[in-house]
Amino acid sequence: MFEVRANPAETTGNPIVGMGRMSHEAAAVDPAAKNVYLTEDNRNRAGLYRYVPADTSGLPGSLEHGGRLQAARVKNTLNADLNVADTGQGYEIEWVDIDDPDANPGAFSDATVTGTASGPFLQARGQGCLRMARGEGLWHHAGKIFIVDTATGRDGGNRPGMGDGAVWVLDLNTMRLKALFVSENRLAANNPDNVTVSPRGGVVLCEDGGGVNDAFGFGERLLGLAQTGDSYIFCKNNANLSAGDIAGAGKSVAPGDYRGREFAGVCFDPKGHVMFVNMQSPGITYAIWGPWAKGNL
């Protein structure tokens, strides 16, 4: 969780507040407007948020000058549920101010979930705002925000918000939100988490579902999305490490089967030549070169 608070001495006129007291997951900055888009990871109690900074200079420390926290609402549809979706599904959204981003959590209960929700989510839902299943990765590219919901869909018990995940795209010029990809089964995508977009516009997803068996065996995967919206396997976690493997690399981690551990933090260098990605456990960072022109990444 992170939080930005205003300096009271700088607060004049309308209250200047921070980014909210919630289960923060990811943040992505619109470089034009300097707004910060935020996801919330709390199953079926997850809003989609935007922080509008008072200081739009983009300089280091500018977010500490405060701003307004807002939540997304589907136009003409109160309390829209995006925790179940179909590929291509779209909405037009608007933004609603959250009066008290620092409000305490409280009880929330409906047909899908019973538990504690953040103060911002309770206020957002009270104003008809949308909810997601579990907000995860965010990435800005070419005037669009790519948003991962790791649990969009239904499980075998038909429970909403317990599925295999989705990728949404928010066009910042039109405020149209569209489901670019919705996983229909674990082979297509096994709870994607982190996301990046290459300088060429290719989407890469890190899985975090504990591993899946496919044609290449068991493990977590780094997935790409084709221009058709279909997923494909870019690479697979095959880290089943013996004591000899670890000694040969000069490391000191415990030997074991790490194939079910997630990829994380995928990104490209600014020129798009090298992809960097972490294997969260046992803690490995990979640098991957192209030639990217031979594919869609």
Protein backbone atom coordinates (compact mmCIF):
# COMPACT_ATOMS: atom_id res chain seq x y z
CA MET A 1 0.00 0.00 0.00
CA PHE A 2 1.21 3.50 -0.71
CA GLU A 3 -0.26 6.87 0.00
CA VAL A 4 0.52 10.47 -0.88
CA ARG A 5 -0.61 13.20 1.49
CA ALA A 6 -0.68 16.91 1.03
CA ASN A 7 1.42 19.39 2.92
CA PRO A 8 -1.25 21.23 4.97
CA ALA A 9 0.58 24.52 4.41
CA GLU A 10 0.02 24.16 0.68
CA THR A 11 -3.68 23.38 0.94
CA THR A 12 -5.87 26.25 -0.21
CA GLY A 13 -9.44 26.28 -1.50
CA ASN A 14 -10.71 22.75 -2.14
CA PRO A 15 -9.20 20.00 0.03
CA ILE A 16 -6.09 18.45 -1.46
CA VAL A 17 -5.92 14.75 -0.79
CA GLY A 18 -3.84 11.70 -1.52
CA MET A 19 -4.05 8.54 -3.59
CA GLY A 20 -6.32 6.64 -1.25
CA ARG A 21 -6.22 4.10 1.51
CA MET A 22 -6.74 0.78 -0.27
CA SER A 23 -4.98 -2.39 -1.42
CA HIS A 24 -2.95 -0.63 -4.09
CA GLU A 25 -1.56 -2.85 -6.82
CA ALA A 26 -0.22 -0.96 -9.87
CA ALA A 27 0.08 2.60 -11.14
CA ALA A 28 0.54 4.04 -14.63
CA VAL A 29 1.05 7.70 -15.52
CA ASP A 30 -0.47 9.46 -18.51
CA PRO A 31 2.55 11.51 -19.66
CA ALA A 32 0.33 14.14 -21.29
CA ALA A 33 -2.08 15.02 -18.47
CA LYS A 34 0.14 13.59 -15.67
CA ASN A 35 -2.86 11.72 -14.23
CA VAL A 36 -2.01 8.51 -12.37
CA TYR A 37 -4.20 5.46 -13.01
CA LEU A 38 -4.49 2.96 -10.15
CA THR A 39 -5.71 -0.60 -9.65
CA GLU A 40 -7.02 -2.18 -6.47
CA ASP A 41 -6.40 -5.84 -5.58
CA ASN A 42 -9.29 -6.94 -3.38
CA ARG A 43 -11.46 -9.65 -4.89
CA ASN A 44 -14.82 -8.35 -6.14
CA ARG A 45 -14.22 -5.18 -4.12
CA ALA A 46 -11.82 -3.57 -6.60
CA GLY A 47 -12.36 -0.20 -8.20
CA LEU A 48 -10.50 1.48 -11.04
CA TYR A 49 -9.09 4.85 -9.97
CA ARG A 50 -7.49 7.99 -11.31
CA TYR A 51 -5.42 10.47 -9.32
CA VAL A 52 -5.50 13.99 -10.76
CA PRO A 53 -2.47 15.84 -9.34
CA ALA A 54 -2.66 19.48 -8.34
CA ASP A 55 0.88 19.93 -9.64
CA THR A 56 1.07 18.74 -13.27
CA SER A 57 4.72 19.63 -13.78
CA GLY A 58 5.75 16.00 -13.63
CA LEU A 59 8.85 16.97 -11.67
CA PRO A 60 10.18 14.77 -8.85
CA GLY A 61 8.02 15.29 -5.78
CA SER A 62 5.12 16.85 -7.70
CA LEU A 63 2.64 14.17 -6.59
CA GLU A 64 3.37 15.08 -2.97
CA HIS A 65 1.52 18.36 -3.55
CA GLY A 66 -1.76 16.45 -3.51
CA GLY A 67 -4.65 16.18 -5.93
CA ARG A 68 -8.03 14.51 -6.38
CA LEU A 69 -8.79 10.80 -6.27
CA GLN A 70 -11.50 9.65 -8.68
CA ALA A 71 -13.18 6.34 -9.48
CA ALA A 72 -14.44 5.08 -12.84
CA ARG A 73 -18.17 4.75 -13.50
CA VAL A 74 -19.80 3.31 -16.61
CA LYS A 75 -22.00 5.94 -18.24
CA ASN A 76 -25.72 5.19 -17.93
CA THR A 77 -25.07 1.99 -15.94
CA LEU A 78 -24.87 2.14 -12.18
CA ASN A 79 -22.64 -0.35 -10.35
CA ALA A 80 -21.51 -2.11 -13.51
CA ASP A 81 -19.74 -5.39 -12.80
CA LEU A 82 -16.66 -6.01 -14.94
CA ASN A 83 -15.65 -9.12 -13.02
CA VAL A 84 -17.18 -11.19 -15.83
CA ALA A 85 -16.62 -10.11 -19.43
CA ASP A 86 -16.34 -11.17 -23.06
CA THR A 87 -13.58 -10.22 -25.47
CA GLY A 88 -14.60 -7.08 -27.35
CA GLN A 89 -17.01 -5.90 -24.67
CA GLY A 90 -16.84 -2.11 -24.31
CA TYR A 91 -18.04 0.78 -22.20
CA GLU A 92 -17.84 4.54 -22.05
CA ILE A 93 -16.70 5.68 -18.62
CA GLU A 94 -16.74 8.85 -16.57
CA TRP A 95 -14.89 9.82 -13.41
CA VAL A 96 -16.39 10.50 -9.98
CA ASP A 97 -14.61 12.31 -7.14
CA ILE A 98 -13.93 10.35 -3.95
CA ASP A 99 -14.61 12.78 -1.12
CA ASP A 100 -12.53 11.01 1.54
CA PRO A 101 -9.71 8.89 0.07
CA ASP A 102 -8.41 8.23 3.60
CA ALA A 103 -11.71 6.79 4.86
CA ASN A 104 -11.48 3.65 6.96
CA PRO A 105 -12.31 0.25 5.44
CA GLY A 106 -15.76 -1.13 6.13
CA ALA A 107 -18.01 -4.12 5.64
CA PHE A 108 -19.23 -5.00 2.14
CA SER A 109 -21.53 -7.82 1.18
CA ASP A 110 -23.46 -8.87 -1.91
CA ALA A 111 -24.16 -12.04 -3.87
CA THR A 112 -20.50 -12.39 -4.92
CA VAL A 113 -18.51 -11.60 -1.79
CA THR A 114 -18.67 -10.83 1.92
CA GLY A 115 -15.81 -9.08 3.65
CA THR A 116 -13.99 -5.82 4.14
CA ALA A 117 -13.76 -3.20 1.42
CA SER A 118 -11.63 -0.09 1.28
CA GLY A 119 -13.07 3.30 2.13
CA PRO A 120 -12.57 4.55 -1.46
CA PHE A 121 -14.31 1.49 -2.90
CA LEU A 122 -17.30 1.88 -0.58
CA GLN A 123 -17.66 5.53 -1.61
CA ALA A 124 -17.20 4.67 -5.29
CA ARG A 125 -19.77 1.88 -5.19
CA GLY A 126 -22.16 4.20 -3.36
CA GLN A 127 -21.94 6.52 -6.36
CA GLY A 128 -22.56 3.75 -8.88
CA CYS A 129 -18.96 3.11 -9.91
CA LEU A 130 -17.76 -0.03 -11.63
CA ARG A 131 -15.95 -2.90 -9.99
CA MET A 132 -13.41 -5.39 -11.23
CA ALA A 133 -12.47 -8.80 -9.85
CA ARG A 134 -8.84 -8.13 -8.84
CA GLY A 135 -7.04 -5.21 -10.45
CA GLU A 136 -3.39 -5.95 -11.25
CA GLY A 137 -0.93 -4.65 -13.86
CA LEU A 138 -1.14 -1.31 -15.66
CA TRP A 139 0.80 0.13 -18.59
CA HIS A 140 0.55 3.32 -20.65
CA HIS A 141 1.21 3.18 -24.37
CA ALA A 142 0.30 5.65 -27.12
CA GLY A 143 -2.54 7.36 -25.28
CA LYS A 144 -4.02 4.15 -23.89
CA ILE A 145 -3.91 2.45 -20.50
CA PHE A 146 -3.66 -1.35 -20.55
CA ILE A 147 -5.31 -2.82 -17.45
CA VAL A 148 -5.04 -6.40 -16.22
CA ASP A 149 -7.75 -7.98 -14.11
CA THR A 150 -6.23 -11.23 -12.96
CA ALA A 151 -9.54 -12.96 -12.10
CA THR A 152 -12.13 -11.83 -14.66
CA GLY A 153 -14.57 -14.64 -15.41
CA ARG A 154 -16.16 -17.54 -13.56
CA ASP A 155 -14.72 -20.66 -11.99
CA GLY A 156 -16.07 -24.21 -12.17
CA GLY A 157 -18.62 -23.30 -9.53
CA ASN A 158 -19.91 -20.42 -11.72
CA ARG A 159 -18.68 -17.84 -9.22
CA PRO A 160 -18.02 -14.40 -10.78
CA GLY A 161 -14.64 -12.80 -10.29
CA MET A 162 -12.97 -16.20 -9.89
CA GLY A 163 -11.91 -16.73 -13.51
CA ASP A 164 -8.65 -16.81 -15.45
CA GLY A 165 -8.22 -13.10 -16.17
CA ALA A 166 -8.52 -10.37 -18.79
CA VAL A 167 -6.81 -7.37 -20.34
CA TRP A 168 -8.75 -4.13 -20.73
CA VAL A 169 -7.69 -1.08 -22.76
CA LEU A 170 -8.78 2.43 -21.82
CA ASP A 171 -8.49 5.00 -24.62
CA LEU A 172 -7.66 8.25 -22.83
CA ASN A 173 -8.95 10.40 -25.70
CA THR A 174 -12.44 8.87 -25.79
CA MET A 175 -12.63 7.25 -22.34
CA ARG A 176 -13.79 4.06 -24.03
CA LEU A 177 -12.91 0.91 -22.09
CA LYS A 178 -12.70 -2.31 -24.11
CA ALA A 179 -11.90 -5.92 -23.24
CA LEU A 180 -8.92 -6.68 -25.48
CA PHE A 181 -8.56 -10.24 -24.20
CA VAL A 182 -10.53 -12.47 -21.84
CA SER A 183 -9.09 -15.86 -20.94
CA GLU A 184 -11.53 -18.70 -21.53
CA ASN A 185 -9.36 -21.30 -19.80
CA ARG A 186 -6.01 -21.66 -18.03
CA LEU A 187 -4.27 -22.73 -21.24
CA ALA A 188 -5.15 -19.39 -22.84
CA ALA A 189 -3.94 -17.44 -19.79
CA ASN A 190 -3.48 -18.49 -16.19
CA ASN A 191 -4.26 -15.39 -14.10
CA PRO A 192 -2.11 -12.74 -15.82
CA ASP A 193 -0.63 -10.12 -13.53
CA ASN A 194 2.09 -7.72 -14.72
CA VAL A 195 1.83 -6.30 -18.23
CA THR A 196 3.97 -4.30 -20.61
CA VAL A 197 3.59 -2.99 -24.15
CA SER A 198 6.59 -2.92 -26.45
CA PRO A 199 7.48 0.25 -28.38
CA ARG A 200 6.00 -1.56 -31.38
CA GLY A 201 2.66 -2.05 -29.61
CA GLY A 202 2.97 -5.72 -28.67
CA VAL A 203 1.39 -6.78 -25.36
CA VAL A 204 3.27 -9.09 -22.96
CA LEU A 205 1.69 -10.68 -19.86
CA CYS A 206 3.25 -12.31 -16.80
CA GLU A 207 1.24 -15.19 -15.36
CA ASP A 208 0.67 -15.63 -11.63
CA GLY A 209 -1.66 -18.61 -11.31
CA GLY A 210 0.68 -21.19 -9.81
CA GLY A 211 1.61 -22.92 -13.05
CA VAL A 212 -0.27 -24.79 -15.76
CA ASN A 213 0.30 -27.92 -17.80
CA ASP A 214 0.42 -27.37 -21.55
CA ALA A 215 2.23 -28.86 -24.55
CA PHE A 216 5.56 -27.77 -23.05
CA GLY A 217 4.99 -29.29 -19.60
CA PHE A 218 4.28 -27.61 -16.27
CA GLY A 219 5.16 -24.03 -15.34
CA GLU A 220 4.24 -20.38 -15.39
CA ARG A 221 4.54 -18.51 -18.68
CA LEU A 222 5.28 -15.21 -20.30
CA LEU A 223 2.48 -14.66 -22.82
CA GLY A 224 2.10 -12.43 -25.84
CA LEU A 225 -1.14 -11.19 -27.35
CA ALA A 226 -1.48 -11.43 -31.11
CA GLN A 227 -3.13 -8.63 -33.08
CA THR A 228 -6.24 -10.82 -33.23
CA GLY A 229 -6.41 -10.69 -29.43
CA ASP A 230 -5.45 -14.36 -29.05
CA SER A 231 -2.71 -15.30 -26.58
CA TYR A 232 0.43 -17.27 -27.35
CA ILE A 233 3.29 -18.63 -25.26
CA PHE A 234 6.45 -16.52 -25.54
CA CYS A 235 8.46 -18.48 -22.97
CA LYS A 236 7.97 -20.77 -20.02
CA ASN A 237 9.40 -21.02 -16.50
CA ASN A 238 11.51 -24.19 -16.46
CA ALA A 239 13.49 -23.45 -13.27
CA ASN A 240 13.68 -26.86 -11.59
CA LEU A 241 17.03 -26.33 -9.91
CA SER A 242 19.34 -28.91 -8.39
CA ALA A 243 22.05 -28.15 -5.87
CA GLY A 244 24.55 -28.59 -8.70
CA ASP A 245 22.73 -26.05 -10.89
CA ILE A 246 22.84 -23.49 -8.10
CA ALA A 247 26.49 -24.14 -7.18
CA GLY A 248 27.47 -23.88 -10.83
CA ALA A 249 25.87 -20.45 -11.01
CA GLY A 250 27.62 -19.34 -7.81
CA LYS A 251 24.35 -18.68 -5.99
CA SER A 252 23.04 -19.64 -2.56
CA VAL A 253 19.29 -20.17 -2.98
CA ALA A 254 17.62 -23.40 -1.95
CA PRO A 255 17.33 -26.09 -4.62
CA GLY A 256 13.80 -26.92 -5.71
CA ASP A 257 11.09 -26.79 -8.33
CA TYR A 258 10.36 -23.13 -9.04
CA ARG A 259 8.36 -23.68 -12.23
CA GLY A 260 5.10 -22.58 -10.61
CA ARG A 261 6.53 -19.23 -9.47
CA GLU A 262 5.50 -16.09 -11.27
CA PHE A 263 7.21 -13.95 -13.83
CA ALA A 264 7.08 -10.25 -12.84
CA GLY A 265 8.21 -6.77 -13.79
CA VAL A 266 8.40 -7.28 -17.54
CA CYS A 267 9.49 -4.21 -19.53
CA PHE A 268 11.50 -3.15 -22.58
CA ASP A 269 14.41 -0.75 -22.70
CA PRO A 270 13.39 2.66 -24.11
CA LYS A 271 14.58 1.77 -27.63
CA GLY A 272 12.78 -1.55 -27.59
CA HIS A 273 15.84 -3.70 -28.18
CA VAL A 274 15.86 -5.70 -24.93
CA MET A 275 13.06 -7.18 -22.85
CA PHE A 276 13.75 -7.51 -19.12
CA VAL A 277 11.72 -9.81 -16.89
CA ASN A 278 12.08 -11.23 -13.40
CA MET A 279 11.36 -14.71 -12.11
CA GLN A 280 10.14 -13.75 -8.66
CA SER A 281 11.47 -16.90 -6.98
CA PRO A 282 14.28 -17.86 -6.66
CA GLY A 283 15.08 -14.34 -7.88
CA ILE A 284 16.37 -14.27 -11.45
CA THR A 285 16.38 -11.37 -13.90
CA TYR A 286 16.50 -12.15 -17.61
CA ALA A 287 17.48 -9.90 -20.53
CA ILE A 288 16.01 -11.11 -23.82
CA TRP A 289 17.06 -9.79 -27.24
CA GLY A 290 14.99 -9.93 -30.45
CA PRO A 291 14.90 -9.93 -33.43
CA TRP A 292 11.51 -8.48 -32.53
CA ALA A 293 10.65 -7.57 -36.13
CA LYS A 294 10.00 -11.26 -36.82
CA GLY A 295 6.98 -11.23 -34.49
CA ASN A 296 4.36 -8.83 -33.18
CA LEU A 297 6.36 -7.76 -30.11
